Amino acid sequence: MESSKPMTANEIMEKLGIKSKETLRGQCLDPAIKQGLVCLTIPDKPTSKNQMYYKN
């Protein structure tokens, strides 16, 4: 993940070879967000269909 380019959950899934959004969120995104490694483009709406993620 590049820090300057936000990515959608689907783009991250494709890059990591993960097929399930639940797996992506539970094992990758949520822990990375809690540690401050990944940030949300729409922090007020974490489940927005337009949500993107970027490296902090």
PDB file of N, CA and C in Angstrom:
ATOM      1  N   MET A   1       0.856  -1.169   0.000  1.00  0.00           N
ATOM      2  CA  MET A   1       0.000   0.000   0.000  1.00  0.00           C
ATOM      3  C   MET A   1       0.903   1.234   0.000  1.00  0.00           C
ATOM      4  N   GLU A   2       0.628   2.130  -0.911  1.00  0.00           N
ATOM      5  CA  GLU A   2       1.388   3.375  -0.980  1.00  0.00           C
ATOM      6  C   GLU A   2       0.719   4.424  -0.102  1.00  0.00           C
ATOM      7  N   SER A   3       1.516   5.255   0.556  1.00  0.00           N
ATOM      8  CA  SER A   3       0.949   6.243   1.472  1.00  0.00           C
ATOM      9  C   SER A   3       0.206   7.362   0.741  1.00  0.00           C
ATOM     10  N   SER A   4       0.574   7.639  -0.489  1.00  0.00           N
ATOM     11  CA  SER A   4      -0.044   8.753  -1.199  1.00  0.00           C
ATOM     12  C   SER A   4      -1.277   8.353  -2.013  1.00  0.00           C
ATOM     13  N   LYS A   5      -1.525   7.049  -2.157  1.00  0.00           N
ATOM     14  CA  LYS A   5      -2.631   6.582  -2.997  1.00  0.00           C
ATOM     15  C   LYS A   5      -3.630   5.764  -2.185  1.00  0.00           C
ATOM     16  N   PRO A   6      -4.805   6.334  -1.881  1.00  0.00           N
ATOM     17  CA  PRO A   6      -5.834   5.546  -1.188  1.00  0.00           C
ATOM     18  C   PRO A   6      -6.303   4.373  -2.052  1.00  0.00           C
ATOM     19  N   MET A   7      -6.643   3.276  -1.380  1.00  0.00           N
ATOM     20  CA  MET A   7      -7.104   2.080  -2.075  1.00  0.00           C
ATOM     21  C   MET A   7      -8.437   1.632  -1.492  1.00  0.00           C
ATOM     22  N   THR A   8      -9.270   1.030  -2.336  1.00  0.00           N
ATOM     23  CA  THR A   8     -10.530   0.468  -1.876  1.00  0.00           C
ATOM     24  C   THR A   8     -10.246  -0.898  -1.233  1.00  0.00           C
ATOM     25  N   ALA A   9     -11.225  -1.398  -0.507  1.00  0.00           N
ATOM     26  CA  ALA A   9     -11.086  -2.729   0.099  1.00  0.00           C
ATOM     27  C   ALA A   9     -10.877  -3.778  -0.991  1.00  0.00           C
ATOM     28  N   ASN A  10     -11.575  -3.655  -2.107  1.00  0.00           N
ATOM     29  CA  ASN A  10     -11.428  -4.627  -3.199  1.00  0.00           C
ATOM     30  C   ASN A  10     -10.020  -4.601  -3.790  1.00  0.00           C
ATOM     31  N   GLU A  11      -9.425  -3.419  -3.922  1.00  0.00           N
ATOM     32  CA  GLU A  11      -8.061  -3.320  -4.439  1.00  0.00           C
ATOM     33  C   GLU A  11      -7.066  -3.971  -3.482  1.00  0.00           C
ATOM     34  N   ILE A  12      -7.273  -3.753  -2.186  1.00  0.00           N
ATOM     35  CA  ILE A  12      -6.392  -4.357  -1.186  1.00  0.00           C
ATOM     36  C   ILE A  12      -6.553  -5.871  -1.200  1.00  0.00           C
ATOM     37  N   MET A  13      -7.794  -6.344  -1.294  1.00  0.00           N
ATOM     38  CA  MET A  13      -8.056  -7.789  -1.346  1.00  0.00           C
ATOM     39  C   MET A  13      -7.349  -8.424  -2.537  1.00  0.00           C
ATOM     40  N   GLU A  14      -7.436  -7.778  -3.687  1.00  0.00           N
ATOM     41  CA  GLU A  14      -6.805  -8.308  -4.896  1.00  0.00           C
ATOM     42  C   GLU A  14      -5.284  -8.359  -4.725  1.00  0.00           C
ATOM     43  N   LYS A  15      -4.722  -7.295  -4.162  1.00  0.00           N
ATOM     44  CA  LYS A  15      -3.275  -7.217  -3.986  1.00  0.00           C
ATOM     45  C   LYS A  15      -2.762  -8.284  -3.008  1.00  0.00           C
ATOM     46  N   LEU A  16      -3.550  -8.568  -1.962  1.00  0.00           N
ATOM     47  CA  LEU A  16      -3.143  -9.546  -0.957  1.00  0.00           C
ATOM     48  C   LEU A  16      -3.610 -10.964  -1.261  1.00  0.00           C
ATOM     49  N   GLY A  17      -4.463 -11.125  -2.256  1.00  0.00           N
ATOM     50  CA  GLY A  17      -4.972 -12.450  -2.594  1.00  0.00           C
ATOM     51  C   GLY A  17      -6.008 -12.959  -1.609  1.00  0.00           C
ATOM     52  N   ILE A  18      -6.746 -12.030  -0.990  1.00  0.00           N
ATOM     53  CA  ILE A  18      -7.791 -12.391  -0.030  1.00  0.00           C
ATOM     54  C   ILE A  18      -9.134 -12.357  -0.747  1.00  0.00           C
ATOM     55  N   LYS A  19      -9.974 -13.358  -0.514  1.00  0.00           N
ATOM     56  CA  LYS A  19     -11.250 -13.451  -1.220  1.00  0.00           C
ATOM     57  C   LYS A  19     -12.449 -12.957  -0.409  1.00  0.00           C
ATOM     58  N   SER A  20     -12.295 -12.791   0.891  1.00  0.00           N
ATOM     59  CA  SER A  20     -13.411 -12.429   1.748  1.00  0.00           C
ATOM     60  C   SER A  20     -13.169 -11.067   2.413  1.00  0.00           C
ATOM     61  N   LYS A  21     -14.178 -10.186   2.338  1.00  0.00           N
ATOM     62  CA  LYS A  21     -14.061  -8.885   2.997  1.00  0.00           C
ATOM     63  C   LYS A  21     -14.007  -9.032   4.508  1.00  0.00           C
ATOM     64  N   GLU A  22     -14.693 -10.040   5.048  1.00  0.00           N
ATOM     65  CA  GLU A  22     -14.657 -10.270   6.488  1.00  0.00           C
ATOM     66  C   GLU A  22     -13.239 -10.618   6.936  1.00  0.00           C
ATOM     67  N   THR A  23     -12.564 -11.457   6.163  1.00  0.00           N
ATOM     68  CA  THR A  23     -11.181 -11.817   6.462  1.00  0.00           C
ATOM     69  C   THR A  23     -10.278 -10.599   6.360  1.00  0.00           C
ATOM     70  N   LEU A  24     -10.464  -9.817   5.324  1.00  0.00           N
ATOM     71  CA  LEU A  24      -9.661  -8.609   5.144  1.00  0.00           C
ATOM     72  C   LEU A  24      -9.814  -7.681   6.338  1.00  0.00           C
ATOM     73  N   ARG A  25     -11.048  -7.419   6.718  1.00  0.00           N
ATOM     74  CA  ARG A  25     -11.290  -6.499   7.839  1.00  0.00           C
ATOM     75  C   ARG A  25     -10.784  -7.073   9.159  1.00  0.00           C
ATOM     76  N   GLY A  26     -11.135  -8.321   9.437  1.00  0.00           N
ATOM     77  CA  GLY A  26     -10.801  -8.919  10.725  1.00  0.00           C
ATOM     78  C   GLY A  26      -9.321  -9.181  10.939  1.00  0.00           C
ATOM     79  N   GLN A  27      -8.622  -9.605   9.890  1.00  0.00           N
ATOM     80  CA  GLN A  27      -7.227 -10.000  10.048  1.00  0.00           C
ATOM     81  C   GLN A  27      -6.235  -8.940   9.587  1.00  0.00           C
ATOM     82  N   CYS A  28      -6.676  -8.013   8.740  1.00  0.00           N
ATOM     83  CA  CYS A  28      -5.723  -7.045   8.183  1.00  0.00           C
ATOM     84  C   CYS A  28      -6.064  -5.597   8.523  1.00  0.00           C
ATOM     85  N   LEU A  29      -7.208  -5.143   8.065  1.00  0.00           N
ATOM     86  CA  LEU A  29      -7.531  -3.724   8.203  1.00  0.00           C
ATOM     87  C   LEU A  29      -7.763  -3.278   9.640  1.00  0.00           C
ATOM     88  N   ASP A  30      -8.631  -3.965  10.361  1.00  0.00           N
ATOM     89  CA  ASP A  30      -8.938  -3.538  11.731  1.00  0.00           C
ATOM     90  C   ASP A  30      -7.695  -3.476  12.621  1.00  0.00           C
ATOM     91  N   PRO A  31      -6.846  -4.515  12.636  1.00  0.00           N
ATOM     92  CA  PRO A  31      -5.632  -4.410  13.448  1.00  0.00           C
ATOM     93  C   PRO A  31      -4.703  -3.279  12.996  1.00  0.00           C
ATOM     94  N   ALA A  32      -4.578  -3.089  11.687  1.00  0.00           N
ATOM     95  CA  ALA A  32      -3.705  -2.027  11.170  1.00  0.00           C
ATOM     96  C   ALA A  32      -4.254  -0.643  11.507  1.00  0.00           C
ATOM     97  N   ILE A  33      -5.567  -0.493  11.477  1.00  0.00           N
ATOM     98  CA  ILE A  33      -6.199   0.783  11.834  1.00  0.00           C
ATOM     99  C   ILE A  33      -5.988   1.062  13.325  1.00  0.00           C
ATOM    100  N   LYS A  34      -6.174   0.043  14.163  1.00  0.00           N
ATOM    101  CA  LYS A  34      -5.995   0.208  15.613  1.00  0.00           C
ATOM    102  C   LYS A  34      -4.561   0.577  15.974  1.00  0.00           C
ATOM    103  N   GLN A  35      -3.600   0.075  15.204  1.00  0.00           N
ATOM    104  CA  GLN A  35      -2.190   0.377  15.458  1.00  0.00           C
ATOM    105  C   GLN A  35      -1.763   1.700  14.828  1.00  0.00           C
ATOM    106  N   GLY A  36      -2.660   2.323  14.052  1.00  0.00           N
ATOM    107  CA  GLY A  36      -2.335   3.594  13.415  1.00  0.00           C
ATOM    108  C   GLY A  36      -1.524   3.467  12.142  1.00  0.00           C
ATOM    109  N   LEU A  37      -1.460   2.255  11.585  1.00  0.00           N
ATOM    110  CA  LEU A  37      -0.699   2.039  10.358  1.00  0.00           C
ATOM    111  C   LEU A  37      -1.498   2.403   9.110  1.00  0.00           C
ATOM    112  N   VAL A  38      -2.821   2.259   9.209  1.00  0.00           N
ATOM    113  CA  VAL A  38      -3.721   2.525   8.087  1.00  0.00           C
ATOM    114  C   VAL A  38      -4.792   3.501   8.552  1.00  0.00           C
ATOM    115  N   CYS A  39      -5.143   4.443   7.684  1.00  0.00           N
ATOM    116  CA  CYS A  39      -6.169   5.438   7.995  1.00  0.00           C
ATOM    117  C   CYS A  39      -7.315   5.326   6.992  1.00  0.00           C
ATOM    118  N   LEU A  40      -8.475   5.820   7.408  1.00  0.00           N
ATOM    119  CA  LEU A  40      -9.675   5.823   6.569  1.00  0.00           C
ATOM    120  C   LEU A  40      -9.826   7.182   5.889  1.00  0.00           C
ATOM    121  N   THR A  41     -10.312   7.177   4.656  1.00  0.00           N
ATOM    122  CA  THR A  41     -10.562   8.449   3.976  1.00  0.00           C
ATOM    123  C   THR A  41     -11.837   9.098   4.482  1.00  0.00           C
ATOM    124  N   ILE A  42     -12.774   8.299   5.009  1.00  0.00           N
ATOM    125  CA  ILE A  42     -14.025   8.821   5.575  1.00  0.00           C
ATOM    126  C   ILE A  42     -14.136   8.265   7.002  1.00  0.00           C
ATOM    127  N   PRO A  43     -13.394   8.835   7.952  1.00  0.00           N
ATOM    128  CA  PRO A  43     -13.368   8.262   9.298  1.00  0.00           C
ATOM    129  C   PRO A  43     -14.711   8.285  10.027  1.00  0.00           C
ATOM    130  N   ASP A  44     -15.602   9.215   9.670  1.00  0.00           N
ATOM    131  CA  ASP A  44     -16.909   9.290  10.325  1.00  0.00           C
ATOM    132  C   ASP A  44     -17.853   8.172   9.883  1.00  0.00           C
ATOM    133  N   LYS A  45     -17.563   7.557   8.748  1.00  0.00           N
ATOM    134  CA  LYS A  45     -18.416   6.491   8.208  1.00  0.00           C
ATOM    135  C   LYS A  45     -17.542   5.301   7.812  1.00  0.00           C
ATOM    136  N   PRO A  46     -17.098   4.510   8.776  1.00  0.00           N
ATOM    137  CA  PRO A  46     -16.171   3.414   8.463  1.00  0.00           C
ATOM    138  C   PRO A  46     -16.735   2.332   7.546  1.00  0.00           C
ATOM    139  N   THR A  47     -18.053   2.223   7.441  1.00  0.00           N
ATOM    140  CA  THR A  47     -18.633   1.196   6.566  1.00  0.00           C
ATOM    141  C   THR A  47     -19.185   1.770   5.269  1.00  0.00           C
ATOM    142  N   SER A  48     -18.828   2.993   4.943  1.00  0.00           N
ATOM    143  CA  SER A  48     -19.301   3.628   3.707  1.00  0.00           C
ATOM    144  C   SER A  48     -18.838   2.841   2.487  1.00  0.00           C
ATOM    145  N   LYS A  49     -19.699   2.762   1.478  1.00  0.00           N
ATOM    146  CA  LYS A  49     -19.323   2.061   0.243  1.00  0.00           C
ATOM    147  C   LYS A  49     -18.219   2.812  -0.497  1.00  0.00           C
ATOM    148  N   ASN A  50     -18.022   4.077  -0.170  1.00  0.00           N
ATOM    149  CA  ASN A  50     -16.979   4.888  -0.808  1.00  0.00           C
ATOM    150  C   ASN A  50     -15.691   4.945   0.017  1.00  0.00           C
ATOM    151  N   GLN A  51     -15.628   4.157   1.088  1.00  0.00           N
ATOM    152  CA  GLN A  51     -14.466   4.166   1.972  1.00  0.00           C
ATOM    153  C   GLN A  51     -13.225   3.698   1.251  1.00  0.00           C
ATOM    154  N   MET A  52     -12.140   4.401   1.510  1.00  0.00           N
ATOM    155  CA  MET A  52     -10.834   3.996   0.985  1.00  0.00           C
ATOM    156  C   MET A  52      -9.841   4.041   2.140  1.00  0.00           C
ATOM    157  N   TYR A  53      -8.718   3.374   1.951  1.00  0.00           N
ATOM    158  CA  TYR A  53      -7.727   3.245   3.011  1.00  0.00           C
ATOM    159  C   TYR A  53      -6.381   3.691   2.481  1.00  0.00           C
ATOM    160  N   TYR A  54      -5.586   4.308   3.368  1.00  0.00           N
ATOM    161  CA  TYR A  54      -4.250   4.721   2.971  1.00  0.00           C
ATOM    162  C   TYR A  54      -3.275   4.502   4.117  1.00  0.00           C
ATOM    163  N   LYS A  55      -2.018   4.341   3.748  1.00  0.00           N
ATOM    164  CA  LYS A  55      -0.977   4.094   4.738  1.00  0.00           C
ATOM    165  C   LYS A  55      -0.650   5.391   5.452  1.00  0.00           C
ATOM    166  N   ASN A  56      -0.549   5.314   6.767  1.00  0.00           N
ATOM    167  CA  ASN A  56      -0.283   6.507   7.580  1.00  0.00           C
ATOM    168  C   ASN A  56       1.181   6.861   7.556  1.00  0.00           C
TER     169      ASN A  56
END
